[in-house]
Amino acid sequence: MARIVDLTVPLENGLRGVSIEPAKTLEQDGWNATTLHLYSHCGTHMDAPTHFGVSSQTIDQIPLDRCMGPAWIVNLAGIKPQALICVADLGQVADRVHEGDSLLLRTGWSRHVKEPSYRDGLPRVSLELAEWSAARKIRMLGVEPPSVADVNNREELIAVHRVLLNAGIIIVEGLANLDQIRRERVTFMAFPLKVGGGDGAPVRAFAIED
């Protein structure tokens, strides 16, 4: 029987870019409802090409069949803060990846999700790895930090995102629970909220171990 591992950070108050407030209550109105205020790149989320202006494609225009497929888990547990992740760090996975495969980089960084270091000290994808992924025609690249690149380095941030997005690679950031996956290769799925004209959106991401 297939095993499903949820790779999504819960959207809740206290998470950067998230504010949830009651709109209706059971006691006063007879039902519960809330109002959600969400930054388009909060929690576990997907970037659309329009996010960095590489094309006009918005999040609602990304085909759903691009948001699923086989993925390799790259174990980078123990990586240092602010480290650059290079092709050499992929190990044997680098020789096994084929066109249409996805890469999920397990760094354990999701444990810092509510700490300043989650954003300011993140290990990130090198330009070399971004270009390699583009050449290999990777389908999706998933990472645990809130960004594939240093959010405090504008030049790096733009360069890495543009290389990936220009190649049609779907970027999923803010993953969690990659340490719960038992296999090296899984089916990965991440479906974004259908936000009209959106530059990105939160996703529900999960892995299926067949």
C-alpha atoms as a PDB file:
ATOM      1  CA  MET A   1       0.000   0.000   0.000  1.00  0.00           C
ATOM      2  CA  ALA A   2       1.308   3.457  -0.906  1.00  0.00           C
ATOM      3  CA  ARG A   3       2.488   5.721   1.910  1.00  0.00           C
ATOM      4  CA  ILE A   4       1.813   9.467   1.729  1.00  0.00           C
ATOM      5  CA  VAL A   5       4.098  11.989   3.435  1.00  0.00           C
ATOM      6  CA  ASP A   6       2.749  15.525   3.843  1.00  0.00           C
ATOM      7  CA  LEU A   7       5.525  18.004   3.021  1.00  0.00           C
ATOM      8  CA  THR A   8       3.554  21.153   3.811  1.00  0.00           C
ATOM      9  CA  VAL A   9       4.099  23.750   6.531  1.00  0.00           C
ATOM     10  CA  PRO A  10       0.770  24.599   8.248  1.00  0.00           C
ATOM     11  CA  LEU A  11      -0.489  28.115   7.558  1.00  0.00           C
ATOM     12  CA  GLU A  12      -1.039  29.621  10.983  1.00  0.00           C
ATOM     13  CA  ASN A  13      -0.580  32.820  12.920  1.00  0.00           C
ATOM     14  CA  GLY A  14       3.064  33.356  13.750  1.00  0.00           C
ATOM     15  CA  LEU A  15       4.218  32.212  10.330  1.00  0.00           C
ATOM     16  CA  ARG A  16       5.745  35.005   8.243  1.00  0.00           C
ATOM     17  CA  GLY A  17       3.223  36.414   5.776  1.00  0.00           C
ATOM     18  CA  VAL A  18       0.193  34.807   7.428  1.00  0.00           C
ATOM     19  CA  SER A  19      -2.600  36.421   9.422  1.00  0.00           C
ATOM     20  CA  ILE A  20      -5.753  34.508  10.322  1.00  0.00           C
ATOM     21  CA  GLU A  21      -8.617  36.139  12.170  1.00  0.00           C
ATOM     22  CA  PRO A  22     -12.141  35.013  13.050  1.00  0.00           C
ATOM     23  CA  ALA A  23     -14.926  36.185  10.748  1.00  0.00           C
ATOM     24  CA  LYS A  24     -17.743  34.170  12.307  1.00  0.00           C
ATOM     25  CA  THR A  25     -17.973  32.176  15.519  1.00  0.00           C
ATOM     26  CA  LEU A  26     -20.109  29.239  16.496  1.00  0.00           C
ATOM     27  CA  GLU A  27     -21.269  31.017  19.647  1.00  0.00           C
ATOM     28  CA  GLN A  28     -22.399  34.252  17.952  1.00  0.00           C
ATOM     29  CA  ASP A  29     -23.237  33.201  14.400  1.00  0.00           C
ATOM     30  CA  GLY A  30     -23.925  29.489  14.510  1.00  0.00           C
ATOM     31  CA  TRP A  31     -20.857  28.530  12.470  1.00  0.00           C
ATOM     32  CA  ASN A  32     -17.117  29.077  12.387  1.00  0.00           C
ATOM     33  CA  ALA A  33     -15.334  30.937   9.590  1.00  0.00           C
ATOM     34  CA  THR A  34     -12.052  32.798   9.317  1.00  0.00           C
ATOM     35  CA  THR A  35     -10.512  35.498   7.156  1.00  0.00           C
ATOM     36  CA  LEU A  36      -7.103  34.640   5.724  1.00  0.00           C
ATOM     37  CA  HIS A  37      -4.477  37.253   4.849  1.00  0.00           C
ATOM     38  CA  LEU A  38      -1.687  35.528   2.938  1.00  0.00           C
ATOM     39  CA  TYR A  39       1.529  36.747   1.321  1.00  0.00           C
ATOM     40  CA  SER A  40       1.734  34.996  -2.042  1.00  0.00           C
ATOM     41  CA  HIS A  41       5.015  33.317  -1.073  1.00  0.00           C
ATOM     42  CA  CYS A  42       4.194  32.297   2.486  1.00  0.00           C
ATOM     43  CA  GLY A  43       4.664  28.845   3.925  1.00  0.00           C
ATOM     44  CA  THR A  44       5.137  26.032   1.435  1.00  0.00           C
ATOM     45  CA  HIS A  45       4.637  27.739  -1.906  1.00  0.00           C
ATOM     46  CA  MET A  46       5.287  27.749  -5.635  1.00  0.00           C
ATOM     47  CA  ASP A  47       6.827  30.520  -7.746  1.00  0.00           C
ATOM     48  CA  ALA A  48       5.282  31.480 -11.080  1.00  0.00           C
ATOM     49  CA  PRO A  49       7.474  32.712 -13.968  1.00  0.00           C
ATOM     50  CA  THR A  50       5.940  36.180 -13.653  1.00  0.00           C
ATOM     51  CA  HIS A  51       7.420  36.386 -10.130  1.00  0.00           C
ATOM     52  CA  PHE A  52      10.776  37.314 -11.697  1.00  0.00           C
ATOM     53  CA  GLY A  53       9.467  38.537 -15.026  1.00  0.00           C
ATOM     54  CA  VAL A  54      10.865  35.729 -17.174  1.00  0.00           C
ATOM     55  CA  SER A  55       7.453  35.381 -18.842  1.00  0.00           C
ATOM     56  CA  SER A  56       3.863  36.469 -18.315  1.00  0.00           C
ATOM     57  CA  GLN A  57       2.783  33.028 -17.078  1.00  0.00           C
ATOM     58  CA  THR A  58       0.940  33.334 -13.780  1.00  0.00           C
ATOM     59  CA  ILE A  59       0.358  30.709 -11.124  1.00  0.00           C
ATOM     60  CA  ASP A  60      -3.136  29.848 -12.363  1.00  0.00           C
ATOM     61  CA  GLN A  61      -1.739  29.178 -15.841  1.00  0.00           C
ATOM     62  CA  ILE A  62       0.727  26.482 -14.763  1.00  0.00           C
ATOM     63  CA  PRO A  63      -0.625  23.126 -16.023  1.00  0.00           C
ATOM     64  CA  LEU A  64      -1.409  20.726 -13.196  1.00  0.00           C
ATOM     65  CA  ASP A  65       0.411  17.897 -14.946  1.00  0.00           C
ATOM     66  CA  ARG A  66       3.603  19.927 -14.480  1.00  0.00           C
ATOM     67  CA  CYS A  67       3.043  19.888 -10.734  1.00  0.00           C
ATOM     68  CA  MET A  68       3.571  16.155 -10.268  1.00  0.00           C
ATOM     69  CA  GLY A  69       6.042  13.460 -11.188  1.00  0.00           C
ATOM     70  CA  PRO A  70       8.956  11.296 -10.058  1.00  0.00           C
ATOM     71  CA  ALA A  71      11.412  12.941  -7.687  1.00  0.00           C
ATOM     72  CA  TRP A  72      14.781  12.128  -6.176  1.00  0.00           C
ATOM     73  CA  ILE A  73      15.445  12.899  -2.514  1.00  0.00           C
ATOM     74  CA  VAL A  74      18.902  14.403  -2.010  1.00  0.00           C
ATOM     75  CA  ASN A  75      20.060  13.973   1.589  1.00  0.00           C
ATOM     76  CA  LEU A  76      21.899  17.125   2.644  1.00  0.00           C
ATOM     77  CA  ALA A  77      21.138  16.824   6.360  1.00  0.00           C
ATOM     78  CA  GLY A  78      23.763  18.584   8.436  1.00  0.00           C
ATOM     79  CA  ILE A  79      24.511  21.208   5.808  1.00  0.00           C
ATOM     80  CA  LYS A  80      25.833  24.456   7.272  1.00  0.00           C
ATOM     81  CA  PRO A  81      23.885  27.734   7.318  1.00  0.00           C
ATOM     82  CA  GLN A  82      24.354  29.899   4.216  1.00  0.00           C
ATOM     83  CA  ALA A  83      26.053  27.018   2.392  1.00  0.00           C
ATOM     84  CA  LEU A  84      25.962  26.933  -1.400  1.00  0.00           C
ATOM     85  CA  ILE A  85      24.535  23.660  -2.688  1.00  0.00           C
ATOM     86  CA  CYS A  86      26.500  22.518  -5.737  1.00  0.00           C
ATOM     87  CA  VAL A  87      26.197  19.672  -8.236  1.00  0.00           C
ATOM     88  CA  ALA A  88      28.848  17.697  -6.345  1.00  0.00           C
ATOM     89  CA  ASP A  89      26.560  17.681  -3.298  1.00  0.00           C
ATOM     90  CA  LEU A  90      24.002  15.595  -5.189  1.00  0.00           C
ATOM     91  CA  GLY A  91      26.266  12.559  -5.027  1.00  0.00           C
ATOM     92  CA  GLN A  92      25.103   9.556  -7.037  1.00  0.00           C
ATOM     93  CA  VAL A  93      21.732  11.167  -7.675  1.00  0.00           C
ATOM     94  CA  ALA A  94      23.428  13.458 -10.205  1.00  0.00           C
ATOM     95  CA  ASP A  95      24.069  10.451 -12.449  1.00  0.00           C
ATOM     96  CA  ARG A  96      20.560   9.033 -12.040  1.00  0.00           C
ATOM     97  CA  VAL A  97      18.504  12.101 -12.872  1.00  0.00           C
ATOM     98  CA  HIS A  98      16.731  12.087 -16.220  1.00  0.00           C
ATOM     99  CA  GLU A  99      14.718  14.688 -18.104  1.00  0.00           C
ATOM    100  CA  GLY A 100      11.385  15.235 -16.373  1.00  0.00           C
ATOM    101  CA  ASP A 101      12.586  14.113 -12.946  1.00  0.00           C
ATOM    102  CA  SER A 102      12.362  16.415  -9.943  1.00  0.00           C
ATOM    103  CA  LEU A 103      14.823  17.088  -7.127  1.00  0.00           C
ATOM    104  CA  LEU A 104      13.888  17.549  -3.472  1.00  0.00           C
ATOM    105  CA  LEU A 105      16.758  18.867  -1.358  1.00  0.00           C
ATOM    106  CA  ARG A 106      16.530  17.575   2.207  1.00  0.00           C
ATOM    107  CA  THR A 107      18.459  19.974   4.428  1.00  0.00           C
ATOM    108  CA  GLY A 108      16.434  19.805   7.636  1.00  0.00           C
ATOM    109  CA  TRP A 109      16.034  23.575   7.386  1.00  0.00           C
ATOM    110  CA  SER A 110      12.291  23.450   8.030  1.00  0.00           C
ATOM    111  CA  ARG A 111      13.059  23.060  11.746  1.00  0.00           C
ATOM    112  CA  HIS A 112      13.943  26.773  11.741  1.00  0.00           C
ATOM    113  CA  VAL A 113      10.635  27.840  10.203  1.00  0.00           C
ATOM    114  CA  LYS A 114       9.722  30.276  12.994  1.00  0.00           C
ATOM    115  CA  GLU A 115      13.254  31.529  13.637  1.00  0.00           C
ATOM    116  CA  PRO A 116      15.034  34.516  12.016  1.00  0.00           C
ATOM    117  CA  SER A 117      17.679  32.143  10.624  1.00  0.00           C
ATOM    118  CA  TYR A 118      15.024  30.419   8.501  1.00  0.00           C
ATOM    119  CA  ARG A 119      15.147  33.397   6.175  1.00  0.00           C
ATOM    120  CA  ASP A 120      18.500  35.004   6.931  1.00  0.00           C
ATOM    121  CA  GLY A 121      20.805  31.980   7.210  1.00  0.00           C
ATOM    122  CA  LEU A 122      19.387  29.606   4.646  1.00  0.00           C
ATOM    123  CA  PRO A 123      21.486  27.140   2.630  1.00  0.00           C
ATOM    124  CA  ARG A 124      20.821  27.883  -1.002  1.00  0.00           C
ATOM    125  CA  VAL A 125      21.062  26.604  -4.555  1.00  0.00           C
ATOM    126  CA  SER A 126      24.225  27.680  -6.366  1.00  0.00           C
ATOM    127  CA  LEU A 127      24.073  29.212  -9.828  1.00  0.00           C
ATOM    128  CA  GLU A 128      26.022  26.152 -10.998  1.00  0.00           C
ATOM    129  CA  LEU A 129      23.313  23.803  -9.715  1.00  0.00           C
ATOM    130  CA  ALA A 130      20.583  25.985 -11.208  1.00  0.00           C
ATOM    131  CA  GLU A 131      22.261  25.877 -14.625  1.00  0.00           C
ATOM    132  CA  TRP A 132      22.860  22.124 -14.316  1.00  0.00           C
ATOM    133  CA  SER A 133      19.177  21.600 -13.461  1.00  0.00           C
ATOM    134  CA  ALA A 134      18.178  23.651 -16.482  1.00  0.00           C
ATOM    135  CA  ALA A 135      20.466  21.634 -18.762  1.00  0.00           C
ATOM    136  CA  ARG A 136      19.077  18.363 -17.364  1.00  0.00           C
ATOM    137  CA  LYS A 137      15.508  19.637 -17.912  1.00  0.00           C
ATOM    138  CA  ILE A 138      14.452  19.028 -14.329  1.00  0.00           C
ATOM    139  CA  ARG A 139      10.679  19.288 -13.826  1.00  0.00           C
ATOM    140  CA  MET A 140      10.522  20.617 -10.261  1.00  0.00           C
ATOM    141  CA  LEU A 141      13.075  21.749  -7.703  1.00  0.00           C
ATOM    142  CA  GLY A 142      11.911  21.623  -4.100  1.00  0.00           C
ATOM    143  CA  VAL A 143      13.734  23.087  -1.094  1.00  0.00           C
ATOM    144  CA  GLU A 144      13.064  23.463   2.627  1.00  0.00           C
ATOM    145  CA  PRO A 145      14.137  27.111   3.055  1.00  0.00           C
ATOM    146  CA  PRO A 146      11.696  29.852   1.999  1.00  0.00           C
ATOM    147  CA  SER A 147      13.807  30.550  -1.105  1.00  0.00           C
ATOM    148  CA  VAL A 148      16.170  28.707  -3.438  1.00  0.00           C
ATOM    149  CA  ALA A 149      18.556  31.678  -3.201  1.00  0.00           C
ATOM    150  CA  ASP A 150      19.788  34.183  -0.624  1.00  0.00           C
ATOM    151  CA  VAL A 151      16.916  36.591   0.004  1.00  0.00           C
ATOM    152  CA  ASN A 152      19.412  39.189   1.250  1.00  0.00           C
ATOM    153  CA  ASN A 153      21.493  39.081  -1.944  1.00  0.00           C
ATOM    154  CA  ARG A 154      19.456  40.703  -4.704  1.00  0.00           C
ATOM    155  CA  GLU A 155      21.846  39.757  -7.508  1.00  0.00           C
ATOM    156  CA  GLU A 156      21.982  36.092  -6.494  1.00  0.00           C
ATOM    157  CA  LEU A 157      18.262  35.945  -5.801  1.00  0.00           C
ATOM    158  CA  ILE A 158      17.369  37.208  -9.260  1.00  0.00           C
ATOM    159  CA  ALA A 159      20.010  35.204 -11.144  1.00  0.00           C
ATOM    160  CA  VAL A 160      19.169  31.804  -9.645  1.00  0.00           C
ATOM    161  CA  HIS A 161      15.411  32.245  -9.944  1.00  0.00           C
ATOM    162  CA  ARG A 162      15.643  33.436 -13.532  1.00  0.00           C
ATOM    163  CA  VAL A 163      17.816  30.520 -14.638  1.00  0.00           C
ATOM    164  CA  LEU A 164      15.364  28.027 -13.152  1.00  0.00           C
ATOM    165  CA  LEU A 165      12.178  29.747 -14.265  1.00  0.00           C
ATOM    166  CA  ASN A 166      13.511  30.439 -17.767  1.00  0.00           C
ATOM    167  CA  ALA A 167      14.093  26.699 -18.108  1.00  0.00           C
ATOM    168  CA  GLY A 168      10.488  25.963 -17.186  1.00  0.00           C
ATOM    169  CA  ILE A 169      11.490  24.447 -13.847  1.00  0.00           C
ATOM    170  CA  ILE A 170       8.793  24.695 -11.208  1.00  0.00           C
ATOM    171  CA  ILE A 171      10.191  26.026  -7.933  1.00  0.00           C
ATOM    172  CA  VAL A 172       8.637  24.825  -4.679  1.00  0.00           C
ATOM    173  CA  GLU A 173       9.977  26.476  -1.527  1.00  0.00           C
ATOM    174  CA  GLY A 174       9.298  26.007   2.175  1.00  0.00           C
ATOM    175  CA  LEU A 175       8.950  22.213   2.180  1.00  0.00           C
ATOM    176  CA  ALA A 176       8.864  20.266   5.454  1.00  0.00           C
ATOM    177  CA  ASN A 177       9.067  16.669   6.681  1.00  0.00           C
ATOM    178  CA  LEU A 178      11.504  15.492   4.024  1.00  0.00           C
ATOM    179  CA  ASP A 179      13.240  13.557   6.803  1.00  0.00           C
ATOM    180  CA  GLN A 180      10.131  11.367   7.071  1.00  0.00           C
ATOM    181  CA  ILE A 181      10.567  10.005   3.552  1.00  0.00           C
ATOM    182  CA  ARG A 182      12.042   6.513   3.623  1.00  0.00           C
ATOM    183  CA  ARG A 183      12.869   6.081  -0.037  1.00  0.00           C
ATOM    184  CA  GLU A 184      15.317   7.740  -2.377  1.00  0.00           C
ATOM    185  CA  ARG A 185      12.764   8.131  -5.180  1.00  0.00           C
ATOM    186  CA  VAL A 186       9.102   9.081  -4.759  1.00  0.00           C
ATOM    187  CA  THR A 187       6.186  10.590  -6.620  1.00  0.00           C
ATOM    188  CA  PHE A 188       6.066  14.281  -5.706  1.00  0.00           C
ATOM    189  CA  MET A 189       3.012  16.499  -6.046  1.00  0.00           C
ATOM    190  CA  ALA A 190       2.515  20.179  -5.197  1.00  0.00           C
ATOM    191  CA  PHE A 191      -0.697  21.919  -6.215  1.00  0.00           C
ATOM    192  CA  PRO A 192      -0.980  25.715  -5.830  1.00  0.00           C
ATOM    193  CA  LEU A 193      -4.034  27.758  -4.985  1.00  0.00           C
ATOM    194  CA  LYS A 194      -5.578  28.957  -8.246  1.00  0.00           C
ATOM    195  CA  VAL A 195      -4.946  32.666  -7.755  1.00  0.00           C
ATOM    196  CA  GLY A 196      -5.874  34.573 -10.899  1.00  0.00           C
ATOM    197  CA  GLY A 197      -2.867  36.527 -12.165  1.00  0.00           C
ATOM    198  CA  GLY A 198      -0.806  35.318  -9.212  1.00  0.00           C
ATOM    199  CA  ASP A 199       2.993  35.550  -9.037  1.00  0.00           C
ATOM    200  CA  GLY A 200       2.985  32.593  -6.653  1.00  0.00           C
ATOM    201  CA  ALA A 201       0.763  30.798  -4.173  1.00  0.00           C
ATOM    202  CA  PRO A 202       0.801  28.437  -1.214  1.00  0.00           C
ATOM    203  CA  VAL A 203       0.682  24.760  -2.159  1.00  0.00           C
ATOM    204  CA  ARG A 204      -0.254  21.449  -0.582  1.00  0.00           C
ATOM    205  CA  ALA A 205       2.838  19.372  -1.230  1.00  0.00           C
ATOM    206  CA  PHE A 206       3.244  15.669  -0.577  1.00  0.00           C
ATOM    207  CA  ALA A 207       5.254  12.617  -1.547  1.00  0.00           C
ATOM    208  CA  ILE A 208       3.917   9.169  -2.363  1.00  0.00           C
ATOM    209  CA  GLU A 209       6.065   6.155  -1.594  1.00  0.00           C
ATOM    210  CA  ASP A 210       4.822   3.340  -3.829  1.00  0.00           C
END
